[in-house]
Protein backbone atom coordinates (compact mmCIF):
# COMPACT_ATOMS: atom_id res chain seq x y z
CA MET A 1 81.33 103.14 124.35
CA VAL A 2 80.59 99.81 126.73
CA ASP A 3 79.59 100.81 130.91
CA GLU A 4 79.31 97.65 132.50
CA PRO A 5 82.75 96.36 134.76
CA PHE A 6 84.61 93.15 133.69
CA GLN A 7 86.57 90.85 135.82
CA TYR A 8 89.00 89.39 132.70
CA LEU A 9 87.90 92.02 129.84
CA LEU A 10 89.32 94.86 129.71
CA VAL A 11 87.13 97.81 127.75
CA GLU A 12 88.57 100.73 126.52
CA GLU A 13 88.32 103.57 123.81
CA ALA A 14 92.05 103.51 122.04
CA ALA A 15 91.45 106.61 119.75
CA PRO A 16 87.95 108.84 118.27
CA ARG A 17 85.49 105.91 116.86
CA VAL A 18 87.89 103.15 118.25
CA ALA A 19 87.79 100.51 120.82
CA THR A 20 89.96 97.95 122.33
CA VAL A 21 89.29 95.28 123.71
CA THR A 22 91.90 93.38 126.03
CA VAL A 23 91.57 89.40 127.26
CA ASN A 24 93.21 90.24 130.63
CA ARG A 25 94.74 87.03 132.72
CA PRO A 26 97.81 87.31 131.12
CA GLU A 27 98.39 85.00 134.25
CA VAL A 28 97.56 82.52 132.57
CA LEU A 29 98.61 83.37 128.59
CA ASN A 30 94.87 84.77 128.76
CA ALA A 31 93.12 81.24 128.25
CA PHE A 32 89.79 82.07 128.71
CA ASN A 33 87.38 80.24 131.37
CA THR A 34 83.57 80.73 131.52
CA ALA A 35 83.53 84.27 132.57
CA THR A 36 85.30 85.31 130.33
CA GLY A 37 83.02 83.61 127.93
CA GLU A 38 80.61 85.50 129.46
CA GLU A 39 81.97 88.46 129.32
CA LEU A 40 82.87 88.61 125.57
CA PRO A 41 79.23 88.63 123.79
CA ARG A 42 78.01 91.56 126.22
CA ALA A 43 80.84 92.82 125.16
CA PHE A 44 80.78 92.61 121.36
CA ARG A 45 76.97 92.92 121.29
CA ALA A 46 77.49 95.89 122.49
CA LEU A 47 79.95 97.24 120.39
CA SER A 48 78.06 96.21 117.74
CA ASP A 49 75.33 98.54 118.45
CA ASP A 50 77.05 101.07 119.77
CA GLU A 51 76.80 104.06 116.77
CA ALA A 52 80.72 105.55 117.68
CA VAL A 53 81.89 103.10 117.45
CA TRP A 54 83.64 102.39 113.67
CA ALA A 55 85.85 99.56 114.16
CA VAL A 56 87.37 97.41 117.36
CA VAL A 57 91.14 95.71 118.14
CA LEU A 58 91.24 92.69 120.26
CA ARG A 59 94.59 91.39 121.74
CA GLY A 60 95.36 89.65 125.17
CA ALA A 61 96.96 91.32 127.46
CA GLY A 62 100.78 90.99 128.06
CA GLU A 63 103.38 90.18 125.29
CA ARG A 64 103.33 85.80 126.09
CA ALA A 65 100.11 84.98 124.09
CA PHE A 66 96.87 86.15 122.31
CA SER A 67 95.09 83.79 123.98
CA THR A 68 96.01 79.73 124.06
CA GLY A 69 92.30 78.85 124.64
CA ALA A 70 90.22 77.12 126.68
CA ASP A 71 91.56 77.40 131.02
CA LEU A 72 92.42 73.26 130.75
CA LYS A 73 92.82 73.73 134.46
CA GLU A 74 89.47 74.76 134.86
CA ARG A 75 88.11 71.79 132.36
CA ALA A 76 90.14 68.83 134.56
CA GLY A 77 86.80 66.94 135.94
CA MET A 78 84.26 68.85 134.32
CA SER A 79 81.34 66.53 133.97
CA ASP A 80 80.48 65.21 129.87
CA GLU A 81 76.99 67.79 130.22
CA THR A 82 79.26 70.61 132.05
CA TRP A 83 81.83 70.75 129.60
CA ARG A 84 79.16 70.96 126.70
CA ALA A 85 77.42 73.22 128.49
CA GLN A 86 80.67 75.59 128.81
CA HIS A 87 81.56 75.16 125.07
CA ARG A 88 77.86 76.69 124.20
CA VAL A 89 78.96 79.90 126.61
CA PHE A 90 82.33 80.04 124.19
CA GLU A 91 79.98 78.94 120.47
CA ALA A 92 78.27 82.27 121.79
CA ALA A 93 81.29 83.97 122.14
CA PHE A 94 83.56 82.89 119.10
CA ARG A 95 79.85 84.10 117.29
CA ALA A 96 79.30 87.31 118.59
CA VAL A 97 82.99 88.40 117.15
CA LEU A 98 82.20 87.12 114.31
CA GLU A 99 78.62 88.93 113.84
CA CYS A 100 80.38 92.22 115.29
CA ARG A 101 79.11 94.73 113.04
CA CYS A 102 82.43 96.94 112.57
CA PRO A 103 85.60 95.35 111.87
CA VAL A 104 87.17 93.64 114.47
CA ILE A 105 91.39 93.43 114.15
CA ALA A 106 92.88 90.72 116.07
CA ALA A 107 96.81 91.98 117.11
CA VAL A 108 98.42 88.93 118.24
CA GLU A 109 102.17 88.19 119.82
CA GLY A 110 102.90 85.28 120.68
CA TYR A 111 101.45 82.51 120.96
CA ALA A 112 97.57 81.95 119.08
CA PHE A 113 96.78 78.12 119.83
CA ALA A 114 93.25 76.21 120.08
CA GLY A 115 90.37 78.55 120.96
CA GLY A 116 92.62 81.43 121.13
CA LEU A 117 93.76 80.74 117.06
CA GLU A 118 90.01 80.47 116.68
CA LEU A 119 89.35 83.83 118.23
CA ALA A 120 91.80 85.29 115.98
CA LEU A 121 90.40 83.52 113.54
CA ASN A 122 86.74 85.17 114.02
CA CYS A 123 88.50 88.99 113.25
CA ASP A 124 88.16 90.37 110.41
CA PHE A 125 92.02 90.49 110.24
CA ILE A 126 95.65 89.52 111.89
CA ILE A 127 97.84 91.25 112.84
CA ALA A 128 100.62 89.31 114.24
CA GLY A 129 104.19 90.68 115.30
CA GLU A 130 107.24 88.66 114.34
CA GLY A 131 107.15 85.92 117.43
CA ALA A 132 103.86 84.97 117.11
CA GLN A 133 103.07 81.29 116.96
CA PHE A 134 99.55 79.95 115.65
CA ALA A 135 98.17 76.11 116.76
CA GLN A 136 94.86 74.20 116.21
CA PRO A 137 96.35 70.72 118.60
CA GLU A 138 92.61 70.50 120.07
CA VAL A 139 93.35 67.09 119.13
CA VAL A 140 96.62 66.20 121.12
CA ARG A 141 93.90 66.51 123.89
CA GLY A 142 91.09 63.85 122.87
CA ILE A 143 88.77 67.26 121.36
CA MET A 144 88.73 68.60 118.36
CA PRO A 145 87.84 72.97 117.06
CA GLY A 146 84.48 73.87 118.32
CA GLY A 147 85.23 77.47 118.14
CA GLY A 148 85.04 77.60 113.88
CA GLY A 149 88.61 76.56 113.09
CA THR A 150 86.99 73.41 110.84
CA GLN A 151 84.95 76.40 109.19
CA LEU A 152 87.21 79.44 108.76
CA LEU A 153 90.50 77.97 109.06
CA PRO A 154 90.51 76.36 105.28
CA ARG A 155 88.39 79.44 104.64
CA LEU A 156 91.57 81.33 105.16
CA ILE A 157 94.83 79.00 104.04
CA GLY A 158 92.79 76.22 102.17
CA ARG A 159 91.27 72.48 103.41
CA GLY A 160 95.11 70.90 102.74
CA ARG A 161 97.12 73.02 105.11
CA ALA A 162 94.10 73.11 107.29
CA LYS A 163 93.53 69.65 107.73
CA GLU A 164 97.48 69.29 107.92
CA LEU A 165 97.06 71.83 111.51
CA ILE A 166 94.12 70.61 112.65
CA PHE A 167 95.42 66.65 112.31
CA SER A 168 98.85 67.17 113.33
CA GLY A 169 98.50 69.60 116.32
CA ARG A 170 101.46 71.72 115.20
CA ARG A 171 102.55 75.31 115.27
CA ILE A 172 103.80 77.20 113.21
CA ASP A 173 105.61 80.61 112.90
CA ALA A 174 104.07 84.46 111.85
CA ALA A 175 106.49 84.59 109.10
CA THR A 176 104.60 80.32 107.80
CA ALA A 177 100.99 81.86 108.69
CA ASP A 178 102.20 84.83 106.28
CA ARG A 179 103.31 82.91 103.94
CA TRP A 180 100.15 80.87 103.83
CA GLY A 181 97.55 84.21 104.33
CA LEU A 182 96.65 83.13 107.50
CA VAL A 183 97.93 86.94 109.32
CA THR A 184 97.30 90.02 107.17
CA ARG A 185 100.52 91.34 107.97
CA VAL A 186 103.38 90.16 109.94
CA VAL A 187 105.42 93.38 112.05
CA PRO A 188 108.20 93.57 114.75
CA SER A 189 107.28 92.08 118.13
CA GLY A 190 106.13 94.11 120.45
CA MET A 191 104.17 96.34 117.40
CA ALA A 192 100.63 94.48 116.54
CA TYR A 193 98.90 96.46 118.67
CA ALA A 194 100.33 99.56 117.23
CA GLU A 195 99.73 98.48 113.95
CA ALA A 196 96.52 97.10 114.19
CA LEU A 197 95.24 100.67 116.24
CA GLY A 198 96.94 102.20 113.16
CA LEU A 199 94.30 100.28 110.60
CA ALA A 200 91.59 100.82 112.75
CA GLU A 201 91.79 104.52 112.88
CA GLN A 202 91.49 103.85 109.31
CA ILE A 203 88.72 102.15 108.57
CA ALA A 204 87.05 104.62 111.42
CA ALA A 205 87.99 108.08 109.28
CA ASN A 206 85.51 106.50 106.38
CA GLY A 207 81.74 106.09 105.85
CA PRO A 208 81.01 103.54 108.79
CA ILE A 209 77.68 102.82 107.24
CA ALA A 210 79.57 102.03 104.02
CA VAL A 211 82.22 99.96 105.86
CA ARG A 212 78.91 98.05 107.71
CA GLN A 213 77.03 97.14 104.45
CA ALA A 214 80.68 96.37 102.60
CA LYS A 215 81.53 93.90 105.98
CA ARG A 216 77.91 91.83 105.86
CA ALA A 217 78.44 91.64 101.93
CA ILE A 218 81.14 90.25 101.66
CA ASP A 219 80.74 87.82 104.59
CA ARG A 220 77.13 86.79 103.34
CA GLY A 221 78.79 86.33 99.42
CA LEU A 222 81.15 84.20 100.99
CA ASP A 223 79.05 81.73 101.80
CA SER A 224 76.61 81.55 98.93
CA PRO A 225 77.00 80.92 95.00
CA LEU A 226 78.53 84.22 92.97
CA HIS A 227 75.12 84.93 91.41
CA PHE A 228 73.31 85.55 94.70
CA GLY A 229 76.78 86.98 96.45
CA LEU A 230 76.18 89.80 93.08
CA THR A 231 72.84 90.54 94.85
CA LEU A 232 73.19 90.89 98.17
CA GLU A 233 76.45 93.75 97.67
CA ILE A 234 73.25 95.77 95.13
CA ASP A 235 71.38 95.35 98.50
CA ALA A 236 73.98 96.79 100.33
CA TYR A 237 74.79 99.22 98.32
CA ASP A 238 71.34 100.53 98.05
CA VAL A 239 71.63 101.22 101.65
CA CYS A 240 74.85 103.77 100.97
CA VAL A 241 73.08 105.94 98.65
CA PRO A 242 70.41 107.98 100.66
CA THR A 243 72.82 108.35 103.82
CA ASP A 244 73.86 112.19 104.87
CA ASP A 245 77.42 109.65 104.65
CA ARG A 246 77.71 109.38 100.80
CA HIS A 247 76.35 113.17 100.22
CA GLU A 248 79.48 114.41 102.77
CA GLY A 249 81.49 112.06 101.06
CA ILE A 250 80.88 113.84 97.36
CA ARG A 251 81.09 117.00 98.72
CA ALA A 252 84.26 116.31 100.44
CA PHE A 253 85.64 115.62 97.10
CA ASN A 254 84.61 118.62 95.54
CA GLU A 255 85.65 120.84 98.14
CA ARG A 256 88.78 118.94 98.18
CA ARG A 257 88.87 118.57 101.90
CA PRO A 258 89.08 115.39 104.39
CA PRO A 259 84.78 114.08 105.11
CA ARG A 260 83.40 114.28 108.51
CA PHE A 261 81.55 110.98 108.16
CA SER A 262 78.10 110.91 111.24
CA GLY A 263 77.02 107.59 110.49
CA ARG A 264 73.45 108.24 109.30
């Protein structure tokens, strides 16, 4: 687990082999300043490299917001050069979440707007409370999505709906997000974290090497022609074959007991 202290993140072991990362700026609806953007890659790279972490839940502190994106008060009066430099920090933060080796589940309560929605989009799953709202409203401020929104959103909900959200800046509720395929599931308000944690524990009960290789094959394969994706799948499958976990899974089945995976 991550040892270093953070100012704006809380990183803790929520369950065996499951970490929770909380963006802890509830007083500004978990908007992230430059320091938050610098902390996110450090946290997620450490978790990705930690062989004892098999799943991660990402959430915002409090019930009002997952995150409303970049802190616009910090951005007031920024020069173009400073703005671009800050955005590079945010790009690295989003990429670290996207490239985390183990699955990352976003638990969304309240607002997920702008970079906050993009932060969730970089996760593998989005679990939303019924009161959650989603928007990609950057154009309202004369800018555009820059944390993966123009690429990840169309992959989830299709080109037309993604363009509608991005070009109009409108917000949608959790029921609409569910219907459009933006979220994995909707639960009663206040229950998103518990649901996400339950899913993370389900994932962490499985062979971690197999889960990581499956994630890698899916993510890389989606951006490739089918024949290349199938080759990626075979390569990932072959990584799993000689592992202790694969042998343990078969032994456990034949001995009629739960498997005891070691991550080796």
